[in-house]
PDB file of all heavy atoms in Angstrom:
ATOM      1  N   GLN A   1       0.850  -1.179   0.000  1.00  0.00           N
ATOM      2  CA  GLN A   1       0.000   0.000   0.000  1.00  0.00           C
ATOM      3  C   GLN A   1       0.895   1.241   0.000  1.00  0.00           C
ATOM      4  O   GLN A   1       1.690   1.421   0.921  1.00  0.00           O
ATOM      5  CB  GLN A   1      -0.880  -0.043   1.256  1.00  0.00           C
ATOM      6  CG  GLN A   1      -1.681   1.196   1.515  1.00  0.00           C
ATOM      7  CD  GLN A   1      -2.884   1.325   0.583  1.00  0.00           C
ATOM      8  OE1 GLN A   1      -3.667   0.391   0.440  1.00  0.00           O
ATOM      9  NE2 GLN A   1      -3.014   2.465  -0.042  1.00  0.00           N
ATOM     10  N   ILE A   2       0.793   2.074  -1.039  1.00  0.00           N
ATOM     11  CA  ILE A   2       1.524   3.348  -1.015  1.00  0.00           C
ATOM     12  C   ILE A   2       0.890   4.205   0.072  1.00  0.00           C
ATOM     13  O   ILE A   2      -0.336   4.319   0.143  1.00  0.00           O
ATOM     14  CB  ILE A   2       1.421   4.084  -2.372  1.00  0.00           C
ATOM     15  CG1 ILE A   2       2.137   3.302  -3.469  1.00  0.00           C
ATOM     16  CG2 ILE A   2       2.008   5.490  -2.266  1.00  0.00           C
ATOM     17  CD1 ILE A   2       2.024   3.918  -4.849  1.00  0.00           C
ATOM     18  N   ILE A   3       1.724   4.792   0.945  1.00  0.00           N
ATOM     19  CA  ILE A   3       1.140   5.650   1.977  1.00  0.00           C
ATOM     20  C   ILE A   3       1.445   7.127   1.749  1.00  0.00           C
ATOM     21  O   ILE A   3       0.639   7.974   2.102  1.00  0.00           O
ATOM     22  CB  ILE A   3       1.535   5.194   3.401  1.00  0.00           C
ATOM     23  CG1 ILE A   3       3.042   5.107   3.576  1.00  0.00           C
ATOM     24  CG2 ILE A   3       0.883   3.873   3.740  1.00  0.00           C
ATOM     25  CD1 ILE A   3       3.448   4.770   4.997  1.00  0.00           C
ATOM     26  N   ILE A   4       2.591   7.437   1.145  1.00  0.00           N
ATOM     27  CA  ILE A   4       2.914   8.838   0.839  1.00  0.00           C
ATOM     28  C   ILE A   4       3.940   8.838  -0.283  1.00  0.00           C
ATOM     29  O   ILE A   4       4.718   7.901  -0.426  1.00  0.00           O
ATOM     30  CB  ILE A   4       3.437   9.594   2.094  1.00  0.00           C
ATOM     31  CG1 ILE A   4       3.494  11.104   1.860  1.00  0.00           C
ATOM     32  CG2 ILE A   4       4.779   9.044   2.544  1.00  0.00           C
ATOM     33  CD1 ILE A   4       3.733  11.924   3.151  1.00  0.00           C
ATOM     34  N   MET A   5       3.901   9.900  -1.088  1.00  0.00           N
ATOM     35  CA  MET A   5       4.766   9.943  -2.262  1.00  0.00           C
ATOM     36  C   MET A   5       5.189  11.380  -2.537  1.00  0.00           C
ATOM     37  O   MET A   5       4.425  12.318  -2.268  1.00  0.00           O
ATOM     38  CB  MET A   5       3.936   9.429  -3.447  1.00  0.00           C
ATOM     39  CG  MET A   5       4.699   8.981  -4.610  1.00  0.00           C
ATOM     40  SD  MET A   5       3.520   8.078  -5.640  1.00  0.00           S
ATOM     41  CE  MET A   5       3.802   8.917  -7.148  1.00  0.00           C
ATOM     42  N   TYR A   6       6.408  11.528  -3.040  1.00  0.00           N
ATOM     43  CA  TYR A   6       6.887  12.835  -3.509  1.00  0.00           C
ATOM     44  C   TYR A   6       7.231  12.655  -4.983  1.00  0.00           C
ATOM     45  O   TYR A   6       8.028  11.784  -5.324  1.00  0.00           O
ATOM     46  CB  TYR A   6       8.121  13.268  -2.717  1.00  0.00           C
ATOM     47  CG  TYR A   6       8.771  14.533  -3.232  1.00  0.00           C
ATOM     48  CD1 TYR A   6       8.347  15.782  -2.786  1.00  0.00           C
ATOM     49  CD2 TYR A   6       9.803  14.476  -4.169  1.00  0.00           C
ATOM     50  CE1 TYR A   6       8.936  16.945  -3.257  1.00  0.00           C
ATOM     51  CE2 TYR A   6      10.398  15.637  -4.637  1.00  0.00           C
ATOM     52  CZ  TYR A   6       9.962  16.868  -4.181  1.00  0.00           C
ATOM     53  OH  TYR A   6      10.545  18.016  -4.639  1.00  0.00           O
ATOM     54  N   ALA A   7       6.602  13.444  -5.853  1.00  0.00           N
ATOM     55  CA  ALA A   7       6.869  13.326  -7.287  1.00  0.00           C
ATOM     56  C   ALA A   7       6.635  14.679  -7.936  1.00  0.00           C
ATOM     57  O   ALA A   7       5.666  15.374  -7.596  1.00  0.00           O
ATOM     58  CB  ALA A   7       5.965  12.275  -7.924  1.00  0.00           C
ATOM     59  N   VAL A   8       7.504  15.039  -8.846  1.00  0.00           N
ATOM     60  CA  VAL A   8       7.408  16.302  -9.571  1.00  0.00           C
ATOM     61  C   VAL A   8       7.131  17.457  -8.600  1.00  0.00           C
ATOM     62  O   VAL A   8       6.163  18.205  -8.771  1.00  0.00           O
ATOM     63  CB  VAL A   8       6.329  16.240 -10.696  1.00  0.00           C
ATOM     64  CG1 VAL A   8       6.578  17.337 -11.732  1.00  0.00           C
ATOM     65  CG2 VAL A   8       6.327  14.893 -11.383  1.00  0.00           C
ATOM     66  N   ASP A   9       7.986  17.556  -7.582  1.00  0.00           N
ATOM     67  CA  ASP A   9       7.915  18.657  -6.613  1.00  0.00           C
ATOM     68  C   ASP A   9       6.609  18.739  -5.827  1.00  0.00           C
ATOM     69  O   ASP A   9       6.281  19.790  -5.287  1.00  0.00           O
ATOM     70  CB  ASP A   9       8.165  20.013  -7.313  1.00  0.00           C
ATOM     71  CG  ASP A   9       9.596  20.114  -7.816  1.00  0.00           C
ATOM     72  OD1 ASP A   9      10.456  19.397  -7.267  1.00  0.00           O
ATOM     73  OD2 ASP A   9       9.855  20.893  -8.747  1.00  0.00           O
ATOM     74  N   ARG A  10       5.861  17.649  -5.761  1.00  0.00           N
ATOM     75  CA  ARG A  10       4.627  17.675  -4.967  1.00  0.00           C
ATOM     76  C   ARG A  10       4.560  16.469  -4.046  1.00  0.00           C
ATOM     77  O   ARG A  10       5.061  15.402  -4.367  1.00  0.00           O
ATOM     78  CB  ARG A  10       3.388  17.661  -5.875  1.00  0.00           C
ATOM     79  CG  ARG A  10       3.046  19.037  -6.446  1.00  0.00           C
ATOM     80  CD  ARG A  10       1.638  19.072  -7.017  1.00  0.00           C
ATOM     81  NE  ARG A  10       0.625  18.691  -6.042  1.00  0.00           N
ATOM     82  CZ  ARG A  10      -0.620  18.373  -6.377  1.00  0.00           C
ATOM     83  NH1 ARG A  10      -1.003  18.360  -7.633  1.00  0.00           N
ATOM     84  NH2 ARG A  10      -1.498  18.034  -5.441  1.00  0.00           N
ATOM     85  N   VAL A  11       3.886  16.658  -2.907  1.00  0.00           N
ATOM     86  CA  VAL A  11       3.664  15.560  -1.962  1.00  0.00           C
ATOM     87  C   VAL A  11       2.237  15.047  -2.159  1.00  0.00           C
ATOM     88  O   VAL A  11       1.292  15.831  -2.233  1.00  0.00           O
ATOM     89  CB  VAL A  11       3.856  16.052  -0.505  1.00  0.00           C
ATOM     90  CG1 VAL A  11       3.433  14.978   0.492  1.00  0.00           C
ATOM     91  CG2 VAL A  11       5.298  16.472  -0.263  1.00  0.00           C
ATOM     92  N   TYR A  12       2.129  13.735  -2.256  1.00  0.00           N
ATOM     93  CA  TYR A  12       0.817  13.095  -2.377  1.00  0.00           C
ATOM     94  C   TYR A  12       0.650  12.193  -1.157  1.00  0.00           C
ATOM     95  O   TYR A  12       1.397  11.242  -0.982  1.00  0.00           O
ATOM     96  CB  TYR A  12       0.747  12.253  -3.662  1.00  0.00           C
ATOM     97  CG  TYR A  12       0.943  13.077  -4.913  1.00  0.00           C
ATOM     98  CD1 TYR A  12       2.218  13.328  -5.402  1.00  0.00           C
ATOM     99  CD2 TYR A  12      -0.153  13.624  -5.582  1.00  0.00           C
ATOM    100  CE1 TYR A  12       2.403  14.101  -6.545  1.00  0.00           C
ATOM    101  CE2 TYR A  12       0.027  14.392  -6.725  1.00  0.00           C
ATOM    102  CZ  TYR A  12       1.310  14.631  -7.204  1.00  0.00           C
ATOM    103  OH  TYR A  12       1.491  15.394  -8.321  1.00  0.00           O
ATOM    104  N   ASN A  13      -0.319  12.523  -0.308  1.00  0.00           N
ATOM    105  CA  ASN A  13      -0.435  11.780   0.953  1.00  0.00           C
ATOM    106  C   ASN A  13      -1.870  11.342   1.239  1.00  0.00           C
ATOM    107  O   ASN A  13      -2.244  11.130   2.379  1.00  0.00           O
ATOM    108  CB  ASN A  13       0.100  12.618   2.124  1.00  0.00           C
ATOM    109  CG  ASN A  13      -0.654  13.926   2.272  1.00  0.00           C
ATOM    110  OD1 ASN A  13      -1.618  14.179   1.541  1.00  0.00           O
ATOM    111  ND2 ASN A  13      -0.226  14.754   3.212  1.00  0.00           N
ATOM    112  N   HIS A  14      -2.658  11.180   0.199  1.00  0.00           N
ATOM    113  CA  HIS A  14      -4.068  10.824   0.395  1.00  0.00           C
ATOM    114  C   HIS A  14      -4.360   9.364   0.073  1.00  0.00           C
ATOM    115  O   HIS A  14      -5.503   8.962  -0.033  1.00  0.00           O
ATOM    116  CB  HIS A  14      -4.945  11.710  -0.496  1.00  0.00           C
ATOM    117  CG  HIS A  14      -4.535  11.631  -1.940  1.00  0.00           C
ATOM    118  ND1 HIS A  14      -3.560  12.447  -2.462  1.00  0.00           N
ATOM    119  CD2 HIS A  14      -4.918  10.793  -2.937  1.00  0.00           C
ATOM    120  CE1 HIS A  14      -3.378  12.131  -3.740  1.00  0.00           C
ATOM    121  NE2 HIS A  14      -4.177  11.127  -4.043  1.00  0.00           N
ATOM    122  N   TYR A  15      -3.302   8.550  -0.092  1.00  0.00           N
ATOM    123  CA  TYR A  15      -3.516   7.165  -0.529  1.00  0.00           C
ATOM    124  C   TYR A  15      -4.017   6.249   0.583  1.00  0.00           C
ATOM    125  O   TYR A  15      -4.647   5.246   0.325  1.00  0.00           O
ATOM    126  CB  TYR A  15      -2.201   6.565  -1.049  1.00  0.00           C
ATOM    127  CG  TYR A  15      -1.672   7.248  -2.279  1.00  0.00           C
ATOM    128  CD1 TYR A  15      -0.593   8.112  -2.189  1.00  0.00           C
ATOM    129  CD2 TYR A  15      -2.266   7.031  -3.509  1.00  0.00           C
ATOM    130  CE1 TYR A  15      -0.104   8.744  -3.327  1.00  0.00           C
ATOM    131  CE2 TYR A  15      -1.786   7.658  -4.646  1.00  0.00           C
ATOM    132  CZ  TYR A  15      -0.713   8.515  -4.549  1.00  0.00           C
ATOM    133  OH  TYR A  15      -0.237   9.138  -5.656  1.00  0.00           O
ATOM    134  N   TYR A  16      -3.666   6.571   1.810  1.00  0.00           N
ATOM    135  CA  TYR A  16      -3.862   5.610   2.898  1.00  0.00           C
ATOM    136  C   TYR A  16      -4.660   6.265   4.017  1.00  0.00           C
ATOM    137  O   TYR A  16      -4.114   6.933   4.878  1.00  0.00           O
ATOM    138  CB  TYR A  16      -2.485   5.134   3.387  1.00  0.00           C
ATOM    139  CG  TYR A  16      -2.533   3.951   4.321  1.00  0.00           C
ATOM    140  CD1 TYR A  16      -3.135   2.760   3.940  1.00  0.00           C
ATOM    141  CD2 TYR A  16      -1.954   4.027   5.582  1.00  0.00           C
ATOM    142  CE1 TYR A  16      -3.171   1.680   4.807  1.00  0.00           C
ATOM    143  CE2 TYR A  16      -1.986   2.943   6.443  1.00  0.00           C
ATOM    144  CZ  TYR A  16      -2.595   1.770   6.050  1.00  0.00           C
ATOM    145  OH  TYR A  16      -2.628   0.698   6.897  1.00  0.00           O
ATOM    146  N   ALA A  17      -5.972   6.052   3.976  1.00  0.00           N
ATOM    147  CA  ALA A  17      -6.886   6.754   4.889  1.00  0.00           C
ATOM    148  C   ALA A  17      -6.534   6.543   6.364  1.00  0.00           C
ATOM    149  O   ALA A  17      -6.689   7.445   7.176  1.00  0.00           O
ATOM    150  CB  ALA A  17      -8.320   6.302   4.625  1.00  0.00           C
ATOM    151  N   ALA A  18      -6.018   5.348   6.703  1.00  0.00           N
ATOM    152  CA  ALA A  18      -5.747   5.029   8.107  1.00  0.00           C
ATOM    153  C   ALA A  18      -4.708   5.978   8.714  1.00  0.00           C
ATOM    154  O   ALA A  18      -4.622   6.106   9.928  1.00  0.00           O
ATOM    155  CB  ALA A  18      -5.273   3.587   8.243  1.00  0.00           C
ATOM    156  N   MET A  19      -3.900   6.629   7.855  1.00  0.00           N
ATOM    157  CA  MET A  19      -2.856   7.517   8.381  1.00  0.00           C
ATOM    158  C   MET A  19      -3.037   8.969   7.963  1.00  0.00           C
ATOM    159  O   MET A  19      -2.174   9.799   8.218  1.00  0.00           O
ATOM    160  CB  MET A  19      -1.470   7.052   7.909  1.00  0.00           C
ATOM    161  CG  MET A  19      -0.939   5.904   8.694  1.00  0.00           C
ATOM    162  SD  MET A  19       0.762   5.617   8.225  1.00  0.00           S
ATOM    163  CE  MET A  19       1.081   4.135   9.117  1.00  0.00           C
ATOM    164  N   THR A  20      -4.147   9.288   7.337  1.00  0.00           N
ATOM    165  CA  THR A  20      -4.364  10.661   6.894  1.00  0.00           C
ATOM    166  C   THR A  20      -4.261  11.615   8.080  1.00  0.00           C
ATOM    167  O   THR A  20      -4.851  11.376   9.124  1.00  0.00           O
ATOM    168  CB  THR A  20      -5.750  10.798   6.209  1.00  0.00           C
ATOM    169  OG1 THR A  20      -5.776   9.938   5.084  1.00  0.00           O
ATOM    170  CG2 THR A  20      -6.002  12.218   5.750  1.00  0.00           C
ATOM    171  N   GLY A  21      -3.470  12.656   7.911  1.00  0.00           N
ATOM    172  CA  GLY A  21      -3.296  13.645   8.977  1.00  0.00           C
ATOM    173  C   GLY A  21      -2.301  13.228  10.046  1.00  0.00           C
ATOM    174  O   GLY A  21      -2.007  13.998  10.946  1.00  0.00           O
ATOM    175  N   ARG A  22      -1.775  11.990   9.960  1.00  0.00           N
ATOM    176  CA  ARG A  22      -0.826  11.534  10.982  1.00  0.00           C
ATOM    177  C   ARG A  22       0.565  11.285  10.425  1.00  0.00           C
ATOM    178  O   ARG A  22       1.432  10.783  11.113  1.00  0.00           O
ATOM    179  CB  ARG A  22      -1.325  10.238  11.642  1.00  0.00           C
ATOM    180  CG  ARG A  22      -2.592  10.402  12.441  1.00  0.00           C
ATOM    181  CD  ARG A  22      -2.871   9.195  13.315  1.00  0.00           C
ATOM    182  NE  ARG A  22      -3.054   7.959  12.572  1.00  0.00           N
ATOM    183  CZ  ARG A  22      -2.255   6.897  12.691  1.00  0.00           C
ATOM    184  NH1 ARG A  22      -1.224   6.909  13.505  1.00  0.00           N
ATOM    185  NH2 ARG A  22      -2.499   5.799  11.984  1.00  0.00           N
ATOM    186  N   MET A  23       0.773  11.601   9.148  1.00  0.00           N
ATOM    187  CA  MET A  23       2.110  11.351   8.586  1.00  0.00           C
ATOM    188  C   MET A  23       2.526  12.487   7.685  1.00  0.00           C
ATOM    189  O   MET A  23       1.700  13.198   7.104  1.00  0.00           O
ATOM    190  CB  MET A  23       2.121  10.043   7.823  1.00  0.00           C
ATOM    191  CG  MET A  23       1.132  10.084   6.714  1.00  0.00           C
ATOM    192  SD  MET A  23       1.332   8.798   5.558  1.00  0.00           S
ATOM    193  CE  MET A  23      -0.123   9.110   4.583  1.00  0.00           C
ATOM    194  N   GLN A  24       3.838  12.662   7.578  1.00  0.00           N
ATOM    195  CA  GLN A  24       4.386  13.721   6.731  1.00  0.00           C
ATOM    196  C   GLN A  24       5.850  13.421   6.479  1.00  0.00           C
ATOM    197  O   GLN A  24       6.482  12.707   7.253  1.00  0.00           O
ATOM    198  CB  GLN A  24       4.256  15.077   7.440  1.00  0.00           C
ATOM    199  CG  GLN A  24       5.083  15.142   8.713  1.00  0.00           C
ATOM    200  CD  GLN A  24       4.562  16.114   9.757  1.00  0.00           C
ATOM    201  OE1 GLN A  24       3.381  16.437   9.773  1.00  0.00           O
ATOM    202  NE2 GLN A  24       5.434  16.572  10.619  1.00  0.00           N
ATOM    203  N   PHE A  25       6.377  13.973   5.371  1.00  0.00           N
ATOM    204  CA  PHE A  25       7.820  13.914   5.183  1.00  0.00           C
ATOM    205  C   PHE A  25       8.447  14.767   6.268  1.00  0.00           C
ATOM    206  O   PHE A  25       7.956  15.858   6.591  1.00  0.00           O
ATOM    207  CB  PHE A  25       8.216  14.433   3.794  1.00  0.00           C
ATOM    208  CG  PHE A  25       7.992  13.422   2.698  1.00  0.00           C
ATOM    209  CD1 PHE A  25       6.951  13.561   1.801  1.00  0.00           C
ATOM    210  CD2 PHE A  25       8.839  12.326   2.566  1.00  0.00           C
ATOM    211  CE1 PHE A  25       6.750  12.628   0.790  1.00  0.00           C
ATOM    212  CE2 PHE A  25       8.648  11.385   1.560  1.00  0.00           C
ATOM    213  CZ  PHE A  25       7.597  11.542   0.668  1.00  0.00           C
ATOM    214  N   THR A  26       9.526  14.276   6.871  1.00  0.00           N
ATOM    215  CA  THR A  26      10.212  15.001   7.949  1.00  0.00           C
ATOM    216  C   THR A  26      10.702  16.349   7.438  1.00  0.00           C
ATOM    217  O   THR A  26      10.610  17.362   8.128  1.00  0.00           O
ATOM    218  CB  THR A  26      11.407  14.152   8.447  1.00  0.00           C
ATOM    219  OG1 THR A  26      10.927  12.857   8.796  1.00  0.00           O
ATOM    220  CG2 THR A  26      12.087  14.780   9.648  1.00  0.00           C
ATOM    221  N   ASN A  27      11.220  16.347   6.209  1.00  0.00           N
ATOM    222  CA  ASN A  27      11.769  17.558   5.609  1.00  0.00           C
ATOM    223  C   ASN A  27      10.753  18.133   4.628  1.00  0.00           C
ATOM    224  O   ASN A  27      10.202  17.408   3.805  1.00  0.00           O
ATOM    225  CB  ASN A  27      13.071  17.193   4.873  1.00  0.00           C
ATOM    226  CG  ASN A  27      13.881  18.403   4.496  1.00  0.00           C
ATOM    227  OD1 ASN A  27      13.363  19.378   3.964  1.00  0.00           O
ATOM    228  ND2 ASN A  27      15.174  18.333   4.759  1.00  0.00           N
TER     229      ASN A  27
END
């Protein structure tokens, strides 16, 4: 299951509902 992705200068973090709002790239 993809949970977060960085591609073409954008962060995509809506793939995994169980962690929405609880995860982020550290940087």
